[in-house]
N, C-alpha and C. Protein backbone atom coordinates (compact mmCIF):
# COMPACT_ATOMS: atom_id res chain seq x y z
N MET A 1 48.51 291.03 278.99
CA MET A 1 49.70 291.81 278.78
C MET A 1 50.70 291.07 277.93
N ILE A 2 50.76 289.75 278.05
CA ILE A 2 51.71 289.00 277.22
C ILE A 2 51.35 289.22 275.77
N ARG A 3 50.07 289.09 275.41
CA ARG A 3 49.65 289.28 274.02
C ARG A 3 49.90 290.70 273.55
N LEU A 4 49.73 291.67 274.42
CA LEU A 4 50.01 293.05 274.04
C LEU A 4 51.47 293.18 273.62
N SER A 5 52.35 292.59 274.37
CA SER A 5 53.80 292.67 274.02
C SER A 5 54.11 291.85 272.78
N GLU A 6 53.38 290.76 272.56
CA GLU A 6 53.63 289.93 271.37
C GLU A 6 53.10 290.58 270.09
N MET A 7 51.99 291.30 270.21
CA MET A 7 51.34 291.84 269.02
C MET A 7 51.69 293.29 268.71
N THR A 8 52.42 293.94 269.62
CA THR A 8 52.78 295.34 269.41
C THR A 8 54.26 295.53 269.80
N THR A 9 54.71 296.74 269.67
CA THR A 9 56.07 297.08 270.11
C THR A 9 56.06 297.64 271.54
N THR A 10 54.93 297.52 272.23
CA THR A 10 54.81 298.03 273.58
C THR A 10 55.65 297.17 274.52
N ASP A 11 56.49 297.84 275.33
CA ASP A 11 57.26 297.13 276.33
C ASP A 11 56.38 296.72 277.50
N VAL A 12 56.48 295.47 277.90
CA VAL A 12 55.76 294.98 279.05
C VAL A 12 56.79 294.36 279.98
N GLY A 13 56.80 294.77 281.21
CA GLY A 13 57.75 294.22 282.19
C GLY A 13 57.31 292.83 282.64
N PHE A 14 58.27 292.00 282.95
CA PHE A 14 57.98 290.65 283.43
C PHE A 14 58.66 290.43 284.77
N ASP A 15 58.02 289.67 285.63
CA ASP A 15 58.59 289.39 286.95
C ASP A 15 59.55 288.20 286.89
N ARG A 16 60.02 287.76 288.03
CA ARG A 16 61.01 286.68 288.07
C ARG A 16 60.44 285.35 287.64
N PHE A 17 59.11 285.22 287.57
CA PHE A 17 58.47 283.99 287.12
C PHE A 17 58.09 284.08 285.63
N ASP A 18 58.56 285.12 284.97
CA ASP A 18 58.27 285.38 283.55
C ASP A 18 56.78 285.62 283.29
N GLU A 19 56.13 286.19 284.29
CA GLU A 19 54.73 286.59 284.16
C GLU A 19 54.68 288.11 284.00
N PRO A 20 53.65 288.65 283.33
CA PRO A 20 53.57 290.11 283.19
C PRO A 20 53.59 290.79 284.57
N ASP A 21 54.40 291.80 284.67
CA ASP A 21 54.59 292.51 285.93
C ASP A 21 53.67 293.74 285.98
N HIS A 22 52.36 293.47 285.99
CA HIS A 22 51.42 294.58 286.09
C HIS A 22 51.36 295.07 287.54
N VAL A 23 50.96 296.27 287.68
CA VAL A 23 50.95 296.89 289.01
C VAL A 23 49.55 297.41 289.29
N VAL A 24 49.05 297.13 290.45
CA VAL A 24 47.82 297.73 290.93
C VAL A 24 48.22 298.84 291.88
N VAL A 25 47.83 300.05 291.58
CA VAL A 25 48.22 301.17 292.40
C VAL A 25 46.98 301.98 292.80
N ARG A 26 46.91 302.33 294.05
CA ARG A 26 45.79 303.13 294.55
C ARG A 26 46.04 304.60 294.24
N LEU A 27 44.99 305.35 294.07
CA LEU A 27 45.13 306.78 293.76
C LEU A 27 45.78 307.53 294.90
N THR A 28 45.70 306.97 296.10
CA THR A 28 46.31 307.62 297.26
C THR A 28 47.77 307.23 297.48
N ASP A 29 48.29 306.32 296.67
CA ASP A 29 49.65 305.83 296.80
C ASP A 29 50.60 306.78 296.05
N ASP A 30 51.70 307.14 296.67
CA ASP A 30 52.69 307.99 296.01
C ASP A 30 53.26 307.35 294.76
N ALA A 31 53.23 306.03 294.66
CA ALA A 31 53.74 305.34 293.48
C ALA A 31 52.90 305.67 292.24
N LEU A 32 51.71 306.22 292.41
CA LEU A 32 50.88 306.60 291.26
C LEU A 32 51.67 307.46 290.29
N PHE A 33 52.48 308.36 290.82
CA PHE A 33 53.20 309.31 289.99
C PHE A 33 54.40 308.68 289.26
N ASP A 34 54.69 307.42 289.54
CA ASP A 34 55.75 306.68 288.87
C ASP A 34 55.28 306.10 287.54
N TYR A 35 53.98 306.11 287.29
CA TYR A 35 53.42 305.46 286.13
C TYR A 35 52.75 306.46 285.21
N PRO A 36 53.15 306.55 283.95
CA PRO A 36 52.58 307.56 283.05
C PRO A 36 51.19 307.21 282.53
N PHE A 37 50.79 305.93 282.72
CA PHE A 37 49.55 305.43 282.13
C PHE A 37 48.82 304.63 283.19
N VAL A 38 47.58 305.00 283.48
CA VAL A 38 46.74 304.24 284.40
C VAL A 38 45.52 303.78 283.64
N PHE A 39 45.14 302.53 283.86
CA PHE A 39 43.98 301.93 283.22
C PHE A 39 42.98 301.59 284.33
N MET A 40 41.72 301.97 284.14
CA MET A 40 40.63 301.61 285.08
C MET A 40 39.54 300.93 284.32
N SER A 41 38.95 299.91 284.95
CA SER A 41 37.86 299.16 284.36
C SER A 41 36.62 299.28 285.23
N ASP A 42 35.45 299.22 284.62
CA ASP A 42 34.16 299.27 285.32
C ASP A 42 34.03 300.51 286.20
N VAL A 43 34.34 301.66 285.60
CA VAL A 43 34.24 302.93 286.35
C VAL A 43 32.80 303.38 286.54
N GLY A 44 31.86 302.66 286.00
CA GLY A 44 30.45 302.97 286.20
C GLY A 44 29.96 302.67 287.58
N THR A 45 30.82 302.07 288.40
CA THR A 45 30.51 301.83 289.82
C THR A 45 31.48 302.56 290.74
N LEU A 46 32.30 303.40 290.16
CA LEU A 46 33.37 304.08 290.92
C LEU A 46 32.82 305.19 291.80
N ARG A 47 33.34 305.25 293.02
CA ARG A 47 33.05 306.34 293.94
C ARG A 47 34.39 306.74 294.53
N LEU A 48 34.80 307.96 294.24
CA LEU A 48 36.09 308.49 294.69
C LEU A 48 35.94 309.26 295.99
N SER A 49 36.90 309.05 296.89
CA SER A 49 36.93 309.89 298.10
C SER A 49 37.43 311.26 297.72
N ASP A 50 37.29 312.23 298.60
CA ASP A 50 37.80 313.57 298.32
C ASP A 50 39.30 313.56 298.10
N VAL A 51 40.00 312.74 298.84
CA VAL A 51 41.46 312.65 298.69
C VAL A 51 41.80 312.06 297.31
N GLU A 52 41.08 311.03 296.90
CA GLU A 52 41.32 310.43 295.57
C GLU A 52 41.02 311.42 294.45
N VAL A 53 40.00 312.24 294.61
CA VAL A 53 39.71 313.27 293.61
C VAL A 53 40.89 314.18 293.41
N VAL A 54 41.44 314.68 294.51
CA VAL A 54 42.59 315.59 294.46
C VAL A 54 43.80 314.90 293.84
N ARG A 55 44.04 313.68 294.26
CA ARG A 55 45.24 312.94 293.76
C ARG A 55 45.13 312.66 292.27
N LEU A 56 43.96 312.24 291.81
CA LEU A 56 43.79 311.97 290.40
C LEU A 56 43.95 313.25 289.58
N ARG A 57 43.40 314.34 290.07
CA ARG A 57 43.57 315.62 289.37
C ARG A 57 45.06 315.98 289.28
N GLN A 58 45.79 315.85 290.38
CA GLN A 58 47.23 316.15 290.41
C GLN A 58 47.96 315.25 289.41
N TYR A 59 47.64 313.97 289.41
CA TYR A 59 48.28 313.01 288.50
C TYR A 59 48.07 313.43 287.04
N LEU A 60 46.85 313.74 286.67
CA LEU A 60 46.54 314.12 285.30
C LEU A 60 47.17 315.44 284.93
N GLU A 61 47.14 316.42 285.82
CA GLU A 61 47.69 317.73 285.52
C GLU A 61 49.23 317.72 285.46
N LYS A 62 49.84 316.71 286.08
CA LYS A 62 51.30 316.57 286.04
C LYS A 62 51.78 315.71 284.88
N GLY A 63 50.86 315.33 284.01
CA GLY A 63 51.26 314.59 282.81
C GLY A 63 50.77 313.16 282.71
N GLY A 64 50.07 312.67 283.72
CA GLY A 64 49.57 311.32 283.69
C GLY A 64 48.45 311.16 282.68
N PHE A 65 48.22 309.93 282.26
CA PHE A 65 47.17 309.58 281.28
C PHE A 65 46.29 308.49 281.87
N LEU A 66 44.99 308.63 281.74
CA LEU A 66 44.03 307.68 282.26
C LEU A 66 43.17 307.15 281.13
N TRP A 67 43.07 305.83 281.04
CA TRP A 67 42.11 305.21 280.10
C TRP A 67 41.10 304.43 280.93
N VAL A 68 39.82 304.70 280.73
CA VAL A 68 38.75 303.95 281.38
C VAL A 68 37.96 303.18 280.34
N ASP A 69 37.58 301.95 280.70
CA ASP A 69 36.98 301.03 279.75
C ASP A 69 35.99 300.13 280.51
N ASP A 70 35.16 299.43 279.75
CA ASP A 70 34.28 298.41 280.29
C ASP A 70 33.27 298.96 281.30
N PHE A 71 32.51 299.96 280.85
CA PHE A 71 31.37 300.42 281.62
C PHE A 71 30.26 300.65 280.62
N TRP A 72 29.08 300.14 280.98
CA TRP A 72 28.01 299.96 280.01
C TRP A 72 26.72 300.64 280.44
N GLY A 73 26.07 301.27 279.50
CA GLY A 73 24.74 301.85 279.69
C GLY A 73 24.74 303.24 280.27
N PRO A 74 23.55 303.86 280.27
CA PRO A 74 23.46 305.26 280.71
C PRO A 74 23.73 305.43 282.21
N TRP A 75 23.36 304.47 283.06
CA TRP A 75 23.57 304.62 284.49
C TRP A 75 25.08 304.65 284.76
N ALA A 76 25.82 303.75 284.16
CA ALA A 76 27.27 303.71 284.36
C ALA A 76 27.92 304.99 283.85
N TRP A 77 27.44 305.49 282.69
CA TRP A 77 27.99 306.75 282.16
C TRP A 77 27.75 307.91 283.14
N GLU A 78 26.53 308.01 283.65
CA GLU A 78 26.19 309.11 284.57
C GLU A 78 27.01 309.01 285.87
N GLN A 79 27.21 307.79 286.35
CA GLN A 79 28.02 307.61 287.55
C GLN A 79 29.45 308.07 287.30
N TRP A 80 30.05 307.62 286.20
CA TRP A 80 31.39 308.02 285.84
C TRP A 80 31.47 309.54 285.64
N LEU A 81 30.50 310.08 284.91
CA LEU A 81 30.50 311.51 284.63
C LEU A 81 30.50 312.33 285.94
N GLY A 82 29.72 311.89 286.89
CA GLY A 82 29.70 312.58 288.20
C GLY A 82 31.06 312.57 288.89
N GLU A 83 31.73 311.42 288.82
CA GLU A 83 33.04 311.30 289.48
C GLU A 83 34.13 312.05 288.74
N ILE A 84 34.22 311.89 287.43
CA ILE A 84 35.28 312.57 286.69
C ILE A 84 35.07 314.09 286.69
N SER A 85 33.81 314.52 286.80
CA SER A 85 33.54 315.97 286.89
C SER A 85 34.03 316.56 288.19
N ARG A 86 34.12 315.77 289.23
CA ARG A 86 34.72 316.21 290.48
C ARG A 86 36.24 316.38 290.33
N VAL A 87 36.82 315.50 289.50
CA VAL A 87 38.27 315.53 289.28
C VAL A 87 38.64 316.65 288.30
N LEU A 88 37.97 316.70 287.19
CA LEU A 88 38.21 317.66 286.12
C LEU A 88 36.91 318.38 285.79
N PRO A 89 36.67 319.53 286.39
CA PRO A 89 35.39 320.24 286.17
C PRO A 89 35.12 320.47 284.69
N PRO A 90 33.93 320.15 284.21
CA PRO A 90 33.61 320.21 282.77
C PRO A 90 33.78 321.60 282.16
N ALA A 91 33.62 322.67 282.93
CA ALA A 91 33.82 324.02 282.36
C ALA A 91 35.23 324.20 281.88
N ALA A 92 36.21 323.64 282.60
CA ALA A 92 37.62 323.77 282.22
C ALA A 92 38.10 322.60 281.39
N TYR A 93 37.43 321.44 281.55
CA TYR A 93 37.86 320.19 280.91
C TYR A 93 36.66 319.52 280.25
N PRO A 94 36.15 320.06 279.16
CA PRO A 94 34.98 319.45 278.54
C PRO A 94 35.26 318.08 277.94
N ILE A 95 34.27 317.24 277.97
CA ILE A 95 34.36 315.91 277.34
C ILE A 95 34.02 316.09 275.87
N PHE A 96 34.75 315.40 275.00
CA PHE A 96 34.49 315.47 273.57
C PHE A 96 34.56 314.08 272.96
N ASP A 97 33.86 313.90 271.85
CA ASP A 97 33.97 312.66 271.09
C ASP A 97 35.30 312.67 270.35
N ILE A 98 36.03 311.56 270.43
CA ILE A 98 37.33 311.48 269.76
C ILE A 98 37.06 311.36 268.25
N PRO A 99 37.53 312.34 267.47
CA PRO A 99 37.31 312.28 266.02
C PRO A 99 38.17 311.22 265.33
N ASP A 100 37.77 310.82 264.16
CA ASP A 100 38.48 309.80 263.40
C ASP A 100 39.94 310.16 263.16
N ASP A 101 40.24 311.44 263.02
CA ASP A 101 41.60 311.86 262.71
C ASP A 101 42.46 312.19 263.95
N HIS A 102 41.96 311.91 265.14
CA HIS A 102 42.72 312.21 266.36
C HIS A 102 43.96 311.30 266.42
N PRO A 103 45.08 311.83 266.86
CA PRO A 103 46.32 311.05 266.94
C PRO A 103 46.20 309.76 267.75
N ILE A 104 45.35 309.71 268.76
CA ILE A 104 45.23 308.49 269.57
C ILE A 104 44.74 307.32 268.71
N ARG A 105 44.10 307.62 267.61
CA ARG A 105 43.62 306.56 266.72
C ARG A 105 44.64 306.22 265.63
N ARG A 106 45.81 306.80 265.70
CA ARG A 106 46.83 306.58 264.65
C ARG A 106 48.21 306.28 265.20
N ILE A 107 48.40 306.38 266.50
CA ILE A 107 49.74 306.25 267.08
C ILE A 107 50.36 304.89 266.81
N GLN A 108 49.66 303.82 267.16
CA GLN A 108 50.23 302.47 267.02
C GLN A 108 49.57 301.72 265.86
N TYR A 109 48.31 301.91 265.70
CA TYR A 109 47.54 301.27 264.61
C TYR A 109 46.64 302.33 264.02
N GLU A 110 46.21 302.06 262.79
CA GLU A 110 45.16 302.87 262.16
C GLU A 110 43.83 302.29 262.68
N VAL A 111 43.17 303.00 263.57
CA VAL A 111 41.92 302.53 264.15
C VAL A 111 40.77 303.23 263.44
N GLU A 112 40.20 302.54 262.48
CA GLU A 112 39.12 303.12 261.68
C GLU A 112 37.78 303.09 262.40
N GLU A 113 37.58 302.06 263.21
CA GLU A 113 36.30 301.88 263.89
C GLU A 113 36.56 301.39 265.31
N ILE A 114 35.81 301.88 266.27
CA ILE A 114 35.92 301.42 267.63
C ILE A 114 34.94 300.26 267.79
N PRO A 115 35.44 299.05 268.01
CA PRO A 115 34.56 297.91 268.05
C PRO A 115 33.80 297.80 269.38
N GLN A 116 32.65 297.16 269.33
CA GLN A 116 31.97 296.86 270.58
C GLN A 116 32.37 295.44 270.96
N ILE A 117 33.14 295.36 272.01
CA ILE A 117 33.64 294.06 272.48
C ILE A 117 32.96 293.76 273.82
N PRO A 118 32.18 292.71 273.89
CA PRO A 118 31.56 292.33 275.17
C PRO A 118 32.57 291.52 275.98
N SER A 119 32.21 291.22 277.21
CA SER A 119 33.00 290.25 277.95
C SER A 119 32.87 288.91 277.22
N ILE A 120 33.87 288.06 277.36
CA ILE A 120 33.79 286.77 276.69
C ILE A 120 32.62 285.94 277.23
N GLN A 121 32.28 286.12 278.52
CA GLN A 121 31.17 285.39 279.08
C GLN A 121 29.85 285.81 278.43
N HIS A 122 29.64 287.12 278.25
CA HIS A 122 28.44 287.59 277.57
C HIS A 122 28.39 287.06 276.13
N TRP A 123 29.50 287.14 275.47
CA TRP A 123 29.59 286.70 274.08
C TRP A 123 29.22 285.21 273.97
N ARG A 124 29.75 284.41 274.90
CA ARG A 124 29.45 282.96 274.86
C ARG A 124 27.97 282.70 275.17
N ARG A 125 27.44 283.40 276.18
CA ARG A 125 26.01 283.22 276.52
C ARG A 125 25.10 283.57 275.36
N SER A 126 25.48 284.54 274.56
CA SER A 126 24.64 284.96 273.44
C SER A 126 24.87 284.12 272.19
N GLY A 127 25.78 283.15 272.29
CA GLY A 127 26.10 282.34 271.12
C GLY A 127 26.96 283.11 270.12
N GLY A 128 27.56 284.20 270.60
CA GLY A 128 28.40 284.99 269.72
C GLY A 128 27.65 285.93 268.81
N PHE A 129 26.35 286.12 269.08
CA PHE A 129 25.52 286.92 268.18
C PHE A 129 25.27 288.35 268.63
N THR A 130 25.54 288.65 269.88
CA THR A 130 25.28 290.01 270.36
C THR A 130 26.49 290.56 271.09
N THR A 131 26.73 291.83 270.92
CA THR A 131 27.87 292.46 271.57
C THR A 131 27.45 293.48 272.64
N SER A 132 26.19 293.91 272.61
CA SER A 132 25.74 294.91 273.56
C SER A 132 25.33 294.26 274.88
N GLU A 133 26.08 294.52 275.92
CA GLU A 133 25.81 293.86 277.21
C GLU A 133 24.56 294.35 277.90
N ARG A 134 24.05 295.51 277.54
CA ARG A 134 22.83 296.06 278.16
C ARG A 134 21.74 296.27 277.12
N GLY A 135 21.74 295.48 276.05
CA GLY A 135 20.71 295.61 275.03
C GLY A 135 20.73 297.00 274.38
N ARG A 136 19.53 297.52 274.16
CA ARG A 136 19.43 298.84 273.50
C ARG A 136 20.04 299.97 274.32
N ARG A 137 20.18 299.76 275.63
CA ARG A 137 20.75 300.82 276.48
C ARG A 137 22.26 300.97 276.27
N SER A 138 22.89 300.01 275.61
CA SER A 138 24.33 300.11 275.39
C SER A 138 24.74 299.72 273.98
N ASP A 139 23.84 299.92 273.04
CA ASP A 139 24.13 299.44 271.67
C ASP A 139 25.07 300.36 270.87
N GLU A 140 25.36 301.55 271.39
CA GLU A 140 26.25 302.47 270.67
C GLU A 140 27.55 302.69 271.47
N VAL A 141 28.67 302.41 270.85
CA VAL A 141 29.96 302.63 271.48
C VAL A 141 30.29 304.11 271.47
N HIS A 142 30.81 304.59 272.60
CA HIS A 142 31.26 305.99 272.69
C HIS A 142 32.75 305.99 272.98
N PHE A 143 33.50 306.74 272.20
CA PHE A 143 34.95 306.88 272.36
C PHE A 143 35.21 308.35 272.58
N ARG A 144 35.44 308.72 273.83
CA ARG A 144 35.48 310.13 274.23
C ARG A 144 36.78 310.44 274.93
N GLY A 145 37.02 311.74 275.05
CA GLY A 145 38.24 312.17 275.71
C GLY A 145 38.05 313.43 276.51
N ILE A 146 39.04 313.71 277.32
CA ILE A 146 39.17 314.98 278.03
C ILE A 146 40.61 315.44 277.81
N ALA A 147 40.75 316.68 277.36
CA ALA A 147 42.08 317.23 277.11
C ALA A 147 42.30 318.49 277.98
N ASP A 148 43.56 318.85 278.11
CA ASP A 148 43.85 320.10 278.83
C ASP A 148 43.77 321.26 277.84
N ASP A 149 44.08 322.45 278.31
CA ASP A 149 43.95 323.65 277.46
C ASP A 149 45.00 323.72 276.35
N ARG A 150 45.97 322.82 276.39
CA ARG A 150 46.97 322.74 275.31
C ARG A 150 46.62 321.63 274.31
N GLY A 151 45.52 320.91 274.56
CA GLY A 151 45.10 319.86 273.68
C GLY A 151 45.64 318.48 274.02
N ARG A 152 46.42 318.38 275.11
CA ARG A 152 46.96 317.07 275.50
C ARG A 152 45.86 316.21 276.09
N LEU A 153 45.72 315.01 275.54
CA LEU A 153 44.68 314.10 276.02
C LEU A 153 45.05 313.60 277.41
N LEU A 154 44.15 313.85 278.36
CA LEU A 154 44.34 313.44 279.75
C LEU A 154 43.64 312.12 280.03
N VAL A 155 42.40 312.01 279.53
CA VAL A 155 41.53 310.88 279.81
C VAL A 155 40.93 310.36 278.52
N LEU A 156 41.02 309.05 278.32
CA LEU A 156 40.38 308.37 277.20
C LEU A 156 39.28 307.49 277.79
N MET A 157 38.08 307.55 277.20
CA MET A 157 36.95 306.81 277.73
C MET A 157 36.34 305.94 276.61
N SER A 158 36.37 304.65 276.78
CA SER A 158 35.68 303.75 275.85
C SER A 158 34.47 303.17 276.59
N HIS A 159 33.29 303.65 276.22
CA HIS A 159 32.03 303.35 276.92
C HIS A 159 31.20 302.43 276.02
N ASN A 160 30.52 301.49 276.65
CA ASN A 160 29.70 300.49 275.96
C ASN A 160 30.56 299.55 275.13
N THR A 161 31.73 299.27 275.64
CA THR A 161 32.64 298.29 275.05
C THR A 161 33.64 297.86 276.10
N ASP A 162 34.25 296.71 275.91
CA ASP A 162 35.28 296.21 276.81
C ASP A 162 36.51 295.88 275.98
N ILE A 163 37.15 296.91 275.47
CA ILE A 163 38.29 296.74 274.59
C ILE A 163 39.36 295.86 275.23
N ALA A 164 39.58 296.04 276.53
CA ALA A 164 40.62 295.28 277.19
C ALA A 164 40.32 293.77 277.19
N ASP A 165 39.06 293.38 277.14
CA ASP A 165 38.74 291.95 277.09
C ASP A 165 39.28 291.34 275.79
N GLY A 166 39.39 292.13 274.77
CA GLY A 166 39.99 291.64 273.53
C GLY A 166 41.45 291.23 273.73
N TRP A 167 42.14 291.95 274.61
CA TRP A 167 43.54 291.57 274.91
C TRP A 167 43.60 290.40 275.88
N GLU A 168 42.73 290.48 276.89
CA GLU A 168 42.76 289.49 277.97
C GLU A 168 42.32 288.12 277.48
N ARG A 169 41.38 288.07 276.55
CA ARG A 169 40.72 286.79 276.26
C ARG A 169 40.87 286.31 274.83
N GLU A 170 41.54 287.06 273.96
CA GLU A 170 41.54 286.69 272.55
C GLU A 170 42.15 285.30 272.32
N GLY A 171 43.03 284.84 273.18
CA GLY A 171 43.65 283.54 273.01
C GLY A 171 42.79 282.38 273.51
N GLU A 172 41.66 282.67 274.17
CA GLU A 172 40.84 281.61 274.74
C GLU A 172 39.89 280.97 273.75
N ASP A 173 39.49 281.73 272.76
CA ASP A 173 38.51 281.24 271.79
C ASP A 173 38.79 281.88 270.45
N TYR A 174 39.05 281.10 269.46
CA TYR A 174 39.43 281.62 268.14
C TYR A 174 38.35 282.55 267.58
N GLU A 175 37.07 282.20 267.79
CA GLU A 175 35.99 283.01 267.26
C GLU A 175 35.86 284.35 267.97
N PHE A 176 36.24 284.41 269.23
CA PHE A 176 36.15 285.65 269.99
C PHE A 176 37.18 286.65 269.50
């Protein structure tokens, strides 16, 4: 989060120790509705309770935004698809590939290509030569979304990449 605030105009809150003041909030917590943006990682292992399904749907329908990242391969996609379909039924909320000209790719930066970013551990183990954490099963990055009937993006999904690791770890190794 420190690097996000240093490299962008995004405001990041800091606590009394001058550390990023990130918040972990459960879907069942009323504080969920205090945050316009929720980030989830490794949703390929996610299992939502019935209460969490309802709460996440309410959050998104009331204007919340969810970005999910760092889930790899077809099994993780199918697991996520099953869970998000409980939250936002596909007949009313179809999943679509984010086109190159979508505003989400132009708001803060011109994002011409969605990179495949592995975890720094995978990158180091491979000698920096491979980015696909599941081999051929995850060699293609998918950048998808779910919008409401007015076109407002509710959910952003970056599959077969760990974009957030680029923020978390970029200062650890110049080559990464």
